[in-house]
Amino acid sequence: MKRRDFVRNTALTALGASLINPIETLAGASQTYLESEDVSPRAAFNDDFPLNFVAIGDWGRNGEYHQNEVAKQMGDWAAAHPNKFIVSVGDNFYPKGVVSENDPLWYYSFENVYTAHSLQYDWYPVLGNHDYGTDPDAQVRYSKVSRRWNMPALYYSKEVNIGHDDGNVLLVFIDTQPIVYDLKEREPQKQLAWINQTLQQASADVKWKIVIGHHPGYTVGPRIKNYDTLAIRKALTGIFEKHKVDVFLSGHEHSLQHLKTEGFPHQFISGAGSELTEVTAGIPNCRFQASEHGFLYFSINRETLRVNAVNDSGKVLYETIIRK
């Protein structure tokens, strides 16, 4: 080796050692356990409410009737606000549901509409009356096709940790169509017994109980005294009151609503994912109603549950706080 090459290589080796050693010293001083979420800009979000989710319903119309606009705003909102998952309150596919897990509507009404990166988290759906038009069980089977579609059964439950040692939220997803129409082959009494048992057996860590179904128990939409509204009220009021359910979240009415009636949980309706229907103002026990396209956004901590109604332009139409 030539002398100048020897000198150069020796100098470079020394320089490399002088740079590496301090780095090794810093790295070896302590260990960290950073996850991807910890270094993401999203980690800087205000975490007064460590658990957040979006609720949308009555949406599946191939992007039409403002479905695309609502989906775009959902993506923008979830990118700018913390969000753990999305709840769908039914009527996922118009006009008659899907015929199989390979139905093209999965692409045209879901996969190709809710495309934002911020919406690629878990979706927890229930079925609506329109989803019963063909094969309702196909939406359960699609859970094995899609990474984000999580529907293990026609009715199911999930305990979600709030965070910061704040306990859990019990989410109970129910199938209201058999309850409303007493579909014997779907064993509605068996489901009602399951709802009762699931709420009764909630763990000691559960701070909030939220039941999600399609048909509401109260509304100021066109179905104020409709058979399905009255049927849900008759079937579920006693169970909800017995187990101190905090929120009943539904769709079916194509609007955004919040109602509170004595003996019944806070009734929220998020059915404005595409086509709209009218609402009636001035009805007692209704705290908010809007026939506008949009969705609801839930934020939860140990003692407080906050709900925002957001329209398809990103305007917050309504905000309410429920406290324990």
Protein backbone atom coordinates (compact mmCIF):
# COMPACT_ATOMS: atom_id res chain seq x y z
CA MET A 1 0.00 0.00 0.00
CA LYS A 2 1.29 3.45 -0.90
CA ARG A 3 2.15 5.72 2.03
CA ARG A 4 -0.44 8.38 1.08
CA ASP A 5 -3.21 5.71 0.92
CA PHE A 6 -2.17 4.41 4.34
CA VAL A 7 -2.30 7.91 5.84
CA ARG A 8 -5.68 8.65 4.23
CA ASN A 9 -7.28 5.39 5.40
CA THR A 10 -5.93 5.84 8.90
CA ALA A 11 -7.37 9.39 9.06
CA LEU A 12 -10.76 8.27 7.81
CA THR A 13 -10.90 5.44 10.32
CA ALA A 14 -10.09 7.82 13.15
CA LEU A 15 -12.67 10.33 11.94
CA GLY A 16 -15.32 7.60 11.71
CA ALA A 17 -14.56 6.42 15.21
CA SER A 18 -14.84 9.97 16.56
CA LEU A 19 -18.29 10.31 15.00
CA ILE A 20 -19.62 6.85 15.89
CA ASN A 21 -18.49 6.70 19.50
CA PRO A 22 -20.58 9.70 20.68
CA ILE A 23 -23.60 8.26 18.85
CA GLU A 24 -23.07 4.88 20.46
CA THR A 25 -22.69 6.58 23.83
CA LEU A 26 -26.01 8.43 23.39
CA ALA A 27 -27.79 5.32 22.12
CA GLY A 28 -26.49 3.20 24.94
CA ALA A 29 -27.32 5.64 27.70
CA SER A 30 -30.98 4.52 27.89
CA GLN A 31 -33.56 2.57 25.93
CA THR A 32 -36.75 3.99 24.47
CA TYR A 33 -39.85 2.20 23.29
CA LEU A 34 -41.34 4.48 20.67
CA GLU A 35 -44.14 3.14 18.50
CA SER A 36 -45.06 4.57 15.10
CA GLU A 37 -47.91 6.57 16.61
CA ASP A 38 -45.51 8.21 19.08
CA VAL A 39 -43.38 9.85 16.38
CA SER A 40 -46.23 10.72 14.05
CA PRO A 41 -47.42 14.35 13.93
CA ARG A 42 -50.78 12.94 15.09
CA ALA A 43 -49.15 12.31 18.48
CA ALA A 44 -49.33 16.05 19.12
CA PHE A 45 -53.16 16.02 19.05
CA ASN A 46 -54.85 17.28 22.18
CA ASP A 47 -55.61 14.20 24.27
CA ASP A 48 -58.12 15.57 26.78
CA PHE A 49 -60.33 12.97 25.10
CA PRO A 50 -58.07 9.98 24.45
CA LEU A 51 -60.76 7.90 22.67
CA ASN A 52 -62.39 9.28 19.53
CA PHE A 53 -64.44 7.78 16.71
CA VAL A 54 -66.59 8.81 13.73
CA ALA A 55 -70.16 7.54 13.25
CA ILE A 56 -71.79 7.48 9.81
CA GLY A 57 -74.96 5.88 8.48
CA ASP A 58 -77.27 5.40 5.50
CA TRP A 59 -74.47 5.97 3.04
CA GLY A 60 -74.17 3.28 0.35
CA ARG A 61 -75.16 4.98 -2.89
CA ASN A 62 -72.16 4.61 -5.21
CA GLY A 63 -70.88 8.02 -4.17
CA GLU A 64 -74.08 9.82 -5.18
CA TYR A 65 -76.44 12.04 -3.13
CA HIS A 66 -73.40 13.73 -1.54
CA GLN A 67 -71.88 10.44 -0.34
CA ASN A 68 -68.57 11.42 -1.95
CA GLU A 69 -68.65 14.87 -0.35
CA VAL A 70 -69.35 13.45 3.12
CA ALA A 71 -66.60 10.85 2.65
CA LYS A 72 -64.13 13.56 1.65
CA GLN A 73 -64.97 15.63 4.73
CA MET A 74 -64.74 12.56 6.97
CA GLY A 75 -61.24 11.99 5.66
CA ASP A 76 -60.26 15.62 6.18
CA TRP A 77 -61.74 15.65 9.69
CA ALA A 78 -60.04 12.39 10.71
CA ALA A 79 -56.73 13.68 9.39
CA ALA A 80 -57.00 16.82 11.51
CA HIS A 81 -58.49 15.20 14.65
CA PRO A 82 -57.62 12.04 16.56
CA ASN A 83 -59.71 9.06 15.46
CA LYS A 84 -59.44 5.39 16.46
CA PHE A 85 -62.15 3.80 14.30
CA ILE A 86 -65.35 4.35 12.32
CA VAL A 87 -68.82 3.09 13.27
CA SER A 88 -71.40 2.47 10.54
CA VAL A 89 -75.00 2.45 11.78
CA GLY A 90 -76.51 0.58 8.85
CA ASP A 91 -78.06 0.87 5.41
CA ASN A 92 -74.57 0.34 4.14
CA PHE A 93 -75.69 -0.60 0.62
CA TYR A 94 -78.71 0.69 -1.27
CA PRO A 95 -81.11 -0.32 -2.57
CA LYS A 96 -81.02 -3.99 -1.44
CA GLY A 97 -77.72 -4.71 0.28
CA VAL A 98 -75.10 -6.95 -1.34
CA VAL A 99 -75.58 -10.40 -2.88
CA SER A 100 -72.19 -11.71 -1.72
CA GLU A 101 -68.79 -10.70 -0.41
CA ASN A 102 -67.79 -10.29 -4.09
CA ASP A 103 -70.62 -7.92 -5.03
CA PRO A 104 -69.29 -4.93 -7.08
CA LEU A 105 -71.06 -2.60 -4.63
CA TRP A 106 -68.22 -3.22 -2.18
CA TYR A 107 -65.99 -1.36 -4.61
CA TYR A 108 -68.43 1.27 -5.90
CA SER A 109 -70.04 2.20 -2.57
CA PHE A 110 -67.30 1.54 -0.02
CA GLU A 111 -63.72 0.88 -1.10
CA ASN A 112 -63.68 3.49 -3.87
CA VAL A 113 -65.50 6.14 -1.80
CA TYR A 114 -63.81 6.13 1.63
CA THR A 115 -60.31 6.30 0.21
CA ALA A 116 -58.61 8.79 2.56
CA HIS A 117 -55.64 7.43 4.46
CA SER A 118 -57.25 8.61 7.70
CA LEU A 119 -60.23 6.30 7.03
CA GLN A 120 -58.15 3.15 6.58
CA TYR A 121 -58.73 2.23 10.22
CA ASP A 122 -61.18 -0.35 11.56
CA TRP A 123 -64.82 0.01 10.58
CA TYR A 124 -67.42 -1.53 12.91
CA PRO A 125 -70.78 -1.85 11.09
CA VAL A 126 -74.31 -2.95 11.87
CA LEU A 127 -77.00 -3.78 9.33
CA GLY A 128 -79.94 -1.62 8.28
CA ASN A 129 -83.26 -2.55 6.73
CA HIS A 130 -81.92 -2.09 3.19
CA ASP A 131 -79.03 -4.45 3.95
CA TYR A 132 -81.61 -7.21 4.39
CA GLY A 133 -82.71 -6.96 0.74
CA THR A 134 -80.48 -9.83 -0.41
CA ASP A 135 -77.85 -11.60 1.75
CA PRO A 136 -77.22 -9.83 5.08
CA ASP A 137 -74.66 -12.48 6.10
CA ALA A 138 -72.46 -11.46 3.15
CA GLN A 139 -71.46 -8.38 5.14
CA VAL A 140 -70.18 -10.62 7.91
CA ARG A 141 -68.22 -12.71 5.41
CA TYR A 142 -66.63 -9.58 3.91
CA SER A 143 -64.69 -9.23 7.16
CA LYS A 144 -62.43 -12.00 5.82
CA VAL A 145 -61.88 -10.06 2.59
CA SER A 146 -61.30 -6.52 3.86
CA ARG A 147 -58.72 -5.54 6.43
CA ARG A 148 -60.79 -2.63 7.72
CA TRP A 149 -64.33 -4.08 7.62
CA ASN A 150 -64.80 -5.69 11.05
CA MET A 151 -68.16 -7.40 11.44
CA PRO A 152 -67.66 -10.74 13.20
CA ALA A 153 -71.41 -11.46 13.45
CA LEU A 154 -74.79 -9.82 12.87
CA TYR A 155 -74.58 -8.64 16.49
CA TYR A 156 -71.46 -8.45 18.63
CA SER A 157 -69.76 -6.42 21.35
CA LYS A 158 -66.38 -4.86 21.97
CA GLU A 159 -64.72 -3.28 24.99
CA VAL A 160 -62.39 -0.47 23.96
CA ASN A 161 -59.81 1.03 26.30
CA ILE A 162 -60.23 4.78 26.68
CA GLY A 163 -56.55 5.37 27.52
CA HIS A 164 -54.67 7.11 30.34
CA ASP A 165 -56.03 4.52 32.81
CA ASP A 166 -59.50 5.95 32.19
CA GLY A 167 -61.17 2.55 31.94
CA ASN A 168 -63.13 1.11 29.01
CA VAL A 169 -66.10 1.81 26.80
CA LEU A 170 -68.47 -1.08 26.09
CA LEU A 171 -69.77 -0.95 22.52
CA VAL A 172 -72.73 -3.25 21.85
CA PHE A 173 -73.56 -3.62 18.15
CA ILE A 174 -77.08 -4.96 17.57
CA ASP A 175 -79.16 -6.12 14.60
CA THR A 176 -82.43 -4.20 14.89
CA GLN A 177 -84.20 -5.54 11.79
CA PRO A 178 -85.21 -8.90 13.37
CA ILE A 179 -86.31 -7.08 16.54
CA VAL A 180 -88.53 -4.62 14.65
CA TYR A 181 -90.14 -7.20 12.37
CA ASP A 182 -89.97 -10.20 14.72
CA LEU A 183 -88.10 -12.31 12.17
CA LYS A 184 -88.44 -15.73 13.80
CA GLU A 185 -85.72 -17.30 11.66
CA ARG A 186 -83.30 -14.69 13.04
CA GLU A 187 -84.31 -15.44 16.66
CA PRO A 188 -84.91 -11.90 17.95
CA GLN A 189 -85.63 -13.12 21.50
CA LYS A 190 -82.27 -14.83 21.58
CA GLN A 191 -80.61 -11.55 20.57
CA LEU A 192 -82.51 -9.58 23.22
CA ALA A 193 -81.34 -12.06 25.86
CA TRP A 194 -77.79 -11.64 24.56
CA ILE A 195 -78.04 -7.83 24.76
CA ASN A 196 -79.26 -8.07 28.33
CA GLN A 197 -76.50 -10.51 29.29
CA THR A 198 -73.74 -8.54 27.54
CA LEU A 199 -74.67 -5.33 29.34
CA GLN A 200 -75.04 -7.16 32.64
CA GLN A 201 -71.62 -8.80 32.36
CA ALA A 202 -69.74 -5.60 31.49
CA SER A 203 -66.39 -5.56 33.25
CA ALA A 204 -65.74 -3.36 36.27
CA ASP A 205 -63.51 -1.21 34.04
CA VAL A 206 -66.43 -0.08 31.85
CA LYS A 207 -67.17 3.62 32.35
CA TRP A 208 -69.52 4.14 29.39
CA LYS A 209 -72.07 1.85 27.71
CA ILE A 210 -72.95 2.63 24.10
CA VAL A 211 -75.40 0.53 22.08
CA ILE A 212 -75.32 0.83 18.28
CA GLY A 213 -78.20 -0.22 16.03
CA HIS A 214 -79.96 0.98 12.90
CA HIS A 215 -83.52 1.87 13.95
CA PRO A 216 -83.88 4.65 16.56
CA GLY A 217 -86.12 4.63 19.61
CA TYR A 218 -86.89 8.33 19.29
CA THR A 219 -86.70 10.70 16.32
CA VAL A 220 -87.96 13.98 14.89
CA GLY A 221 -87.68 12.71 11.34
CA PRO A 222 -90.56 11.29 9.28
CA ARG A 223 -90.78 8.19 11.51
CA ILE A 224 -91.73 9.91 14.79
CA LYS A 225 -94.66 7.51 15.39
CA ASN A 226 -93.72 4.86 12.85
CA TYR A 227 -94.04 1.18 13.68
CA ASP A 228 -90.29 0.56 13.68
CA THR A 229 -89.55 3.45 16.07
CA LEU A 230 -92.22 2.27 18.51
CA ALA A 231 -91.06 -1.36 18.22
CA ILE A 232 -87.48 -0.48 19.18
CA ARG A 233 -88.68 1.64 22.07
CA LYS A 234 -90.87 -1.20 23.37
CA ALA A 235 -88.17 -3.87 23.05
CA LEU A 236 -85.16 -2.00 24.40
CA THR A 237 -86.23 0.68 26.88
CA GLY A 238 -86.37 -1.69 29.85
CA ILE A 239 -83.00 -3.27 29.05
CA PHE A 240 -81.35 0.11 28.59
CA GLU A 241 -82.77 1.49 31.82
CA LYS A 242 -81.88 -1.62 33.82
CA HIS A 243 -78.23 -1.52 32.77
CA LYS A 244 -77.82 2.27 32.68
CA VAL A 245 -76.90 2.53 29.01
CA ASP A 246 -75.49 5.98 28.30
CA VAL A 247 -76.00 6.30 24.54
CA PHE A 248 -78.10 4.65 21.85
CA LEU A 249 -76.56 5.48 18.47
CA SER A 250 -78.55 4.75 15.32
CA GLY A 251 -79.34 5.79 11.77
CA HIS A 252 -82.44 5.06 9.62
CA GLU A 253 -83.54 8.69 9.64
CA HIS A 254 -81.46 10.53 7.03
CA SER A 255 -80.44 13.40 9.27
CA LEU A 256 -78.37 14.30 12.33
CA GLN A 257 -80.18 14.33 15.68
CA HIS A 258 -79.80 14.30 19.46
CA LEU A 259 -82.76 13.52 21.72
CA LYS A 260 -83.03 12.84 25.45
CA THR A 261 -86.21 11.43 26.93
CA GLU A 262 -86.70 10.39 30.56
CA GLY A 263 -86.04 6.66 31.00
CA PHE A 264 -84.16 6.31 27.70
CA PRO A 265 -80.46 6.87 26.92
CA HIS A 266 -79.19 9.82 24.94
CA GLN A 267 -80.44 9.05 21.43
CA PHE A 268 -78.06 10.10 18.67
CA ILE A 269 -78.91 9.64 15.00
CA SER A 270 -76.22 9.76 12.33
CA GLY A 271 -78.02 8.86 9.12
CA ALA A 272 -76.86 11.70 6.87
CA GLY A 273 -74.19 9.86 4.87
CA SER A 274 -75.95 10.41 1.54
CA GLU A 275 -79.65 11.06 0.80
CA LEU A 276 -81.49 13.35 3.27
CA THR A 277 -84.99 13.37 4.75
CA GLU A 278 -86.81 16.14 6.61
CA VAL A 279 -86.79 16.89 10.33
CA THR A 280 -89.35 18.69 12.50
CA ALA A 281 -88.26 21.48 14.83
CA GLY A 282 -89.77 22.34 18.18
CA ILE A 283 -90.54 18.83 19.43
CA PRO A 284 -89.96 18.37 23.19
CA ASN A 285 -86.94 16.32 24.26
CA CYS A 286 -85.11 17.02 20.98
CA ARG A 287 -81.90 18.91 21.64
CA PHE A 288 -80.65 19.09 18.05
CA GLN A 289 -81.85 18.22 14.56
CA ALA A 290 -80.45 19.01 11.12
CA SER A 291 -81.33 17.72 7.69
CA GLU A 292 -77.80 18.24 6.45
CA HIS A 293 -75.22 15.84 5.03
CA GLY A 294 -72.60 14.86 7.56
CA PHE A 295 -71.56 12.62 10.44
CA LEU A 296 -71.12 12.52 14.22
CA TYR A 297 -67.78 12.59 16.03
CA PHE A 298 -67.52 11.10 19.53
CA SER A 299 -64.76 12.02 22.01
CA ILE A 300 -64.52 10.21 25.35
CA ASN A 301 -62.61 10.28 28.62
CA ARG A 302 -63.40 8.79 32.02
CA GLU A 303 -66.00 11.36 33.05
CA THR A 304 -67.00 13.13 29.84
CA LEU A 305 -68.47 12.19 26.46
CA ARG A 306 -68.51 14.90 23.80
CA VAL A 307 -70.39 14.67 20.51
CA ASN A 308 -69.96 16.95 17.50
CA ALA A 309 -72.25 17.00 14.48
CA VAL A 310 -70.16 17.92 11.42
CA ASN A 311 -71.56 18.68 7.96
CA ASP A 312 -69.98 17.91 4.60
CA SER A 313 -68.21 21.28 4.47
CA GLY A 314 -66.54 20.72 7.85
CA LYS A 315 -68.79 23.06 9.84
CA VAL A 316 -69.59 21.93 13.38
CA LEU A 317 -73.37 22.23 13.52
CA TYR A 318 -73.71 21.12 17.14
CA GLU A 319 -71.66 20.15 20.16
CA THR A 320 -72.85 18.60 23.38
CA ILE A 321 -71.17 17.34 26.53
CA ILE A 322 -72.46 14.43 28.64
CA ARG A 323 -70.92 14.02 32.08
CA LYS A 324 -70.97 11.15 34.54
